[in-house]
Amino acid sequence: MYQRRAYRQGMGDTRFSSISLSVGESDVWIGYQGNADRSALQQASATLLRRLRRELLDYGDPRLFTSFVPLHSKGELSELLTSMFSAGERSGTGPMASVAGAIAERLGKHLKEQFGLSEIVVENGGDLYIDVLKPLSVQLFAPTSAFAGKLSVIVDPSYGPMGVCTSSGKIGHSVSFGKADAVMVACNDAALADAYATAYCNRVTRKEDVRKVCEALTQEEEVLSSVVVFEDMLAVGGCLKVGT
């Protein structure tokens, strides 16, 4: 059943046509530019999302859904699972730490090519895959912090396509061992952005952690930008501009 997400209000209203769909736990918003038939795009998105979820369910090792540490793959993997296992190994997390970003990227790449879209943004539970021609402002979602609604990362298309993913120790259903209001990460690989957001959010347990965690995160060679928020403390790093 589709669950209305308040933070989606006004997303891309003047720039993108959009569709929303929900399959199992996956709740996706897709904004796009192009002449695609909306009904056909909706159907193709749902079909692909079901297939991606089936790849996860058919993997055959229940540790995929529970492990907090990287796993070694069993045999040949699908493109989705390959990206998740790789992100887990590089970030030190379990594969599921990257699932939202990985699915968003698979959807975005496939739909853009299939329908000849000029721009596409896929938001999957707050994690984004972005492939655009013009700059796009992405607002940090951190309603428990002093910076709620006041901070945005400006996606520069010259660095893209990219994933922009956020982890929180205070909101959401995902397991977190940290206490950050939000850790936002941008990488060219959306699965890795998702995994790094989780991994570094786990490291923030007090205000004194904010700066050092942001510095360490920005030093990861794949990271384009990072934002770390804990209550009234903020640290920003990387090459993307931040606006208010």
Protein backbone atom coordinates (compact mmCIF):
# COMPACT_ATOMS: atom_id res chain seq x y z
CA MET A 1 0.00 0.00 0.00
CA TYR A 2 1.30 3.45 -0.92
CA GLN A 3 2.16 5.62 2.09
CA ARG A 4 1.96 9.38 1.58
CA ARG A 5 5.25 11.08 2.29
CA ALA A 6 4.93 14.70 3.36
CA TYR A 7 8.46 15.64 2.29
CA ARG A 8 7.48 14.96 -1.34
CA GLN A 9 5.11 17.90 -1.44
CA GLY A 10 6.24 20.25 -4.19
CA MET A 11 9.12 18.02 -5.37
CA GLY A 12 9.89 19.03 -8.94
CA ASP A 13 6.46 20.59 -9.50
CA THR A 14 7.61 23.09 -12.11
CA ARG A 15 10.46 21.09 -13.61
CA PHE A 16 9.46 17.44 -13.82
CA SER A 17 6.56 15.27 -14.75
CA SER A 18 6.30 12.59 -12.08
CA ILE A 19 4.91 9.24 -11.04
CA SER A 20 4.83 7.44 -7.68
CA LEU A 21 4.63 3.73 -7.02
CA SER A 22 4.86 1.33 -4.12
CA VAL A 23 5.81 -2.35 -4.23
CA GLY A 24 6.22 -4.09 -0.88
CA GLU A 25 8.55 -1.98 1.26
CA SER A 26 9.78 0.03 -1.75
CA ASP A 27 8.15 3.46 -2.03
CA VAL A 28 9.39 5.38 -5.05
CA TRP A 29 8.91 8.82 -6.64
CA ILE A 30 10.23 9.38 -10.16
CA GLY A 31 10.57 12.83 -11.69
CA TYR A 32 11.47 13.05 -15.38
CA GLN A 33 11.74 15.25 -18.43
CA GLY A 34 10.89 13.84 -21.83
CA ASN A 35 8.02 12.81 -24.06
CA ALA A 36 7.42 9.42 -22.46
CA ASP A 37 3.89 8.08 -22.20
CA ARG A 38 3.11 8.37 -18.50
CA SER A 39 1.12 5.14 -18.33
CA ALA A 40 3.85 3.19 -20.10
CA LEU A 41 6.48 4.69 -17.81
CA GLN A 42 4.44 3.77 -14.74
CA GLN A 43 4.02 0.19 -15.94
CA ALA A 44 7.68 -0.22 -16.85
CA SER A 45 8.74 1.19 -13.47
CA ALA A 46 6.50 -1.19 -11.56
CA THR A 47 7.67 -4.18 -13.62
CA LEU A 48 11.33 -3.37 -13.04
CA LEU A 49 10.84 -2.65 -9.35
CA ARG A 50 9.15 -6.04 -8.89
CA ARG A 51 12.01 -7.74 -10.73
CA LEU A 52 14.64 -6.03 -8.57
CA ARG A 53 12.84 -7.02 -5.40
CA ARG A 54 12.60 -10.61 -6.68
CA GLU A 55 16.39 -10.65 -7.20
CA LEU A 56 16.80 -9.85 -3.51
CA LEU A 57 14.28 -12.44 -2.35
CA ASP A 58 15.75 -15.14 -4.59
CA TYR A 59 19.33 -14.69 -3.41
CA GLY A 60 18.97 -17.62 -1.05
CA ASP A 61 21.01 -16.49 1.94
CA PRO A 62 18.94 -14.87 4.71
CA ARG A 63 22.03 -13.05 5.98
CA LEU A 64 21.55 -10.66 3.07
CA PHE A 65 18.73 -9.00 5.01
CA THR A 66 20.29 -9.07 8.49
CA SER A 67 24.05 -8.66 8.26
CA PHE A 68 25.65 -5.48 9.57
CA VAL A 69 29.01 -6.43 8.03
CA PRO A 70 30.05 -7.08 4.42
CA LEU A 71 29.22 -10.47 2.94
CA HIS A 72 31.07 -12.51 0.35
CA SER A 73 28.88 -13.32 -2.62
CA LYS A 74 27.61 -16.78 -3.43
CA GLY A 75 28.13 -17.39 -7.12
CA GLU A 76 27.23 -14.98 -9.91
CA LEU A 77 25.28 -11.90 -8.87
CA SER A 78 22.80 -9.65 -10.64
CA GLU A 79 23.79 -6.05 -11.35
CA LEU A 80 21.74 -4.91 -8.34
CA LEU A 81 23.33 -7.34 -5.92
CA THR A 82 26.81 -6.71 -7.33
CA SER A 83 26.46 -3.00 -6.55
CA MET A 84 25.16 -3.73 -3.05
CA PHE A 85 27.91 -6.22 -2.17
CA SER A 86 30.58 -3.88 -3.55
CA ALA A 87 29.20 -0.91 -1.58
CA GLY A 88 29.15 -3.02 1.57
CA GLU A 89 32.76 -4.07 1.13
CA ARG A 90 33.96 -0.51 0.51
CA SER A 91 32.01 1.03 3.40
CA GLY A 92 32.20 -1.79 5.94
CA THR A 93 28.42 -2.25 6.10
CA GLY A 94 26.02 -5.04 5.30
CA PRO A 95 24.62 -5.16 1.74
CA MET A 96 21.18 -3.89 2.76
CA ALA A 97 22.69 -0.57 3.89
CA SER A 98 22.83 0.33 0.20
CA VAL A 99 19.59 -1.19 -1.08
CA ALA A 100 17.55 2.02 -1.48
CA GLY A 101 20.28 3.82 -3.40
CA ALA A 102 21.05 0.74 -5.49
CA ILE A 103 17.42 0.29 -6.53
CA ALA A 104 17.03 4.01 -7.28
CA GLU A 105 20.04 3.90 -9.60
CA ARG A 106 18.94 0.74 -11.41
CA LEU A 107 15.51 2.30 -12.00
CA GLY A 108 16.92 5.64 -13.11
CA LYS A 109 19.42 4.26 -15.59
CA HIS A 110 17.01 1.77 -17.11
CA LEU A 111 14.08 4.17 -17.49
CA LYS A 112 16.19 6.99 -18.91
CA GLU A 113 17.54 4.72 -21.62
CA GLN A 114 14.28 2.90 -22.36
CA PHE A 115 12.20 6.07 -22.72
CA GLY A 116 14.88 8.46 -24.03
CA LEU A 117 14.45 10.85 -21.11
CA SER A 118 16.57 13.99 -20.90
CA GLU A 119 16.50 14.14 -17.08
CA ILE A 120 15.48 11.75 -14.34
CA VAL A 121 15.38 11.81 -10.55
CA VAL A 122 14.45 8.68 -8.60
CA GLU A 123 13.70 9.05 -4.89
CA ASN A 124 13.46 5.80 -2.96
CA GLY A 125 12.63 6.27 0.71
CA GLY A 126 14.56 9.54 0.86
CA ASP A 127 17.59 8.35 -1.13
CA LEU A 128 18.11 9.83 -4.60
CA TYR A 129 19.57 8.95 -7.98
CA ILE A 130 19.96 12.12 -10.03
CA ASP A 131 20.79 12.47 -13.72
CA VAL A 132 20.06 16.05 -14.84
CA LEU A 133 21.21 18.66 -17.35
CA LYS A 134 20.80 21.72 -15.13
CA PRO A 135 21.63 22.34 -11.45
CA LEU A 136 19.15 20.88 -8.99
CA SER A 137 18.65 21.91 -5.36
CA VAL A 138 18.23 18.98 -2.96
CA GLN A 139 17.00 19.95 0.49
CA LEU A 140 18.45 18.20 3.51
CA PHE A 141 15.69 16.33 5.33
CA ALA A 142 16.50 16.61 9.03
CA PRO A 143 13.27 17.55 10.85
CA THR A 144 14.74 16.81 14.28
CA SER A 145 17.56 19.34 13.89
CA ALA A 146 17.94 23.12 14.10
CA PHE A 147 18.65 23.11 10.34
CA ALA A 148 15.31 21.62 9.28
CA GLY A 149 14.20 23.16 5.98
CA LYS A 150 17.17 25.55 5.92
CA LEU A 151 19.87 23.71 4.01
CA SER A 152 20.18 22.36 0.46
CA VAL A 153 22.90 20.73 -1.60
CA ILE A 154 23.12 22.05 -5.16
CA VAL A 155 23.64 19.15 -7.56
CA ASP A 156 25.99 20.28 -10.32
CA PRO A 157 25.30 18.16 -13.43
CA SER A 158 28.97 18.29 -14.43
CA TYR A 159 29.67 15.91 -11.54
CA GLY A 160 26.77 13.56 -12.31
CA PRO A 161 24.96 11.32 -12.59
CA MET A 162 25.06 10.78 -8.84
CA GLY A 163 23.37 9.40 -5.79
CA VAL A 164 22.50 11.71 -2.89
CA CYS A 165 21.60 9.63 0.15
CA THR A 166 20.84 10.42 3.78
CA SER A 167 20.96 8.40 6.99
CA SER A 168 19.62 9.40 10.39
CA GLY A 169 20.01 8.02 13.87
CA LYS A 170 16.74 9.67 14.94
CA ILE A 171 14.13 9.11 12.23
CA GLY A 172 13.22 6.39 9.76
CA HIS A 173 12.92 2.61 9.98
CA SER A 174 16.52 1.70 9.15
CA VAL A 175 18.78 0.47 11.94
CA SER A 176 21.39 3.03 12.98
CA PHE A 177 24.00 2.85 15.75
CA GLY A 178 24.58 6.60 15.68
CA LYS A 179 22.68 9.64 16.91
CA ALA A 180 23.12 12.11 14.05
CA ASP A 181 20.06 14.01 12.89
CA ALA A 182 21.31 13.45 9.35
CA VAL A 183 24.35 12.43 7.36
CA MET A 184 23.98 13.24 3.67
CA VAL A 185 26.42 11.83 1.12
CA ALA A 186 26.81 12.39 -2.62
CA CYS A 187 28.70 9.88 -4.79
CA ASN A 188 28.55 8.93 -8.45
CA ASP A 189 27.51 5.47 -7.25
CA ALA A 190 24.14 5.74 -5.46
CA ALA A 191 24.56 2.39 -3.68
CA LEU A 192 27.88 3.58 -2.27
CA ALA A 193 26.41 6.95 -1.25
CA ASP A 194 23.71 5.07 0.67
CA ALA A 195 26.22 2.74 2.34
CA TYR A 196 28.59 5.56 3.31
CA ALA A 197 25.70 7.57 4.76
CA THR A 198 24.84 4.62 7.00
CA ALA A 199 28.45 3.85 7.94
CA TYR A 200 29.33 7.40 8.91
CA CYS A 201 26.02 8.12 10.61
CA ASN A 202 26.91 5.21 12.89
CA ARG A 203 30.01 7.15 14.00
CA VAL A 204 28.17 10.26 15.20
CA THR A 205 27.16 9.89 18.85
CA ARG A 206 27.90 13.39 20.20
CA LYS A 207 28.49 16.94 18.97
CA GLU A 208 32.26 16.53 19.05
CA ASP A 209 32.00 13.86 16.35
CA VAL A 210 30.43 16.11 13.71
CA ARG A 211 33.52 17.78 12.28
CA LYS A 212 35.84 14.77 12.38
CA VAL A 213 33.24 12.48 10.84
CA CYS A 214 32.58 14.95 8.04
CA GLU A 215 36.32 15.33 7.39
CA ALA A 216 36.83 11.56 7.31
CA LEU A 217 33.85 11.09 5.02
CA THR A 218 34.99 13.78 2.60
CA GLN A 219 38.40 12.10 2.37
CA GLU A 220 36.81 8.97 0.87
CA GLU A 221 37.88 9.22 -2.76
CA GLU A 222 34.43 8.38 -4.14
CA VAL A 223 32.62 11.01 -2.07
CA LEU A 224 31.65 14.20 -3.91
CA SER A 225 30.12 15.96 -0.90
CA SER A 226 28.97 15.35 2.64
CA VAL A 227 26.80 17.07 5.23
CA VAL A 228 26.72 16.02 8.89
CA VAL A 229 24.13 17.42 11.31
CA PHE A 230 23.81 16.82 15.05
CA GLU A 231 21.37 19.12 16.87
CA ASP A 232 22.81 22.64 16.35
CA MET A 233 26.14 21.43 14.96
CA LEU A 234 26.79 21.34 11.21
CA ALA A 235 29.76 20.30 9.06
CA VAL A 236 29.94 20.41 5.27
CA GLY A 237 32.61 19.12 2.92
CA GLY A 238 33.26 18.32 -0.73
CA CYS A 239 32.81 19.93 -4.12
CA LEU A 240 29.04 20.57 -4.28
CA LYS A 241 27.74 23.95 -3.20
CA VAL A 242 25.44 24.23 -0.19
CA GLY A 243 22.66 26.81 -0.13
CA THR A 244 20.13 28.03 2.41
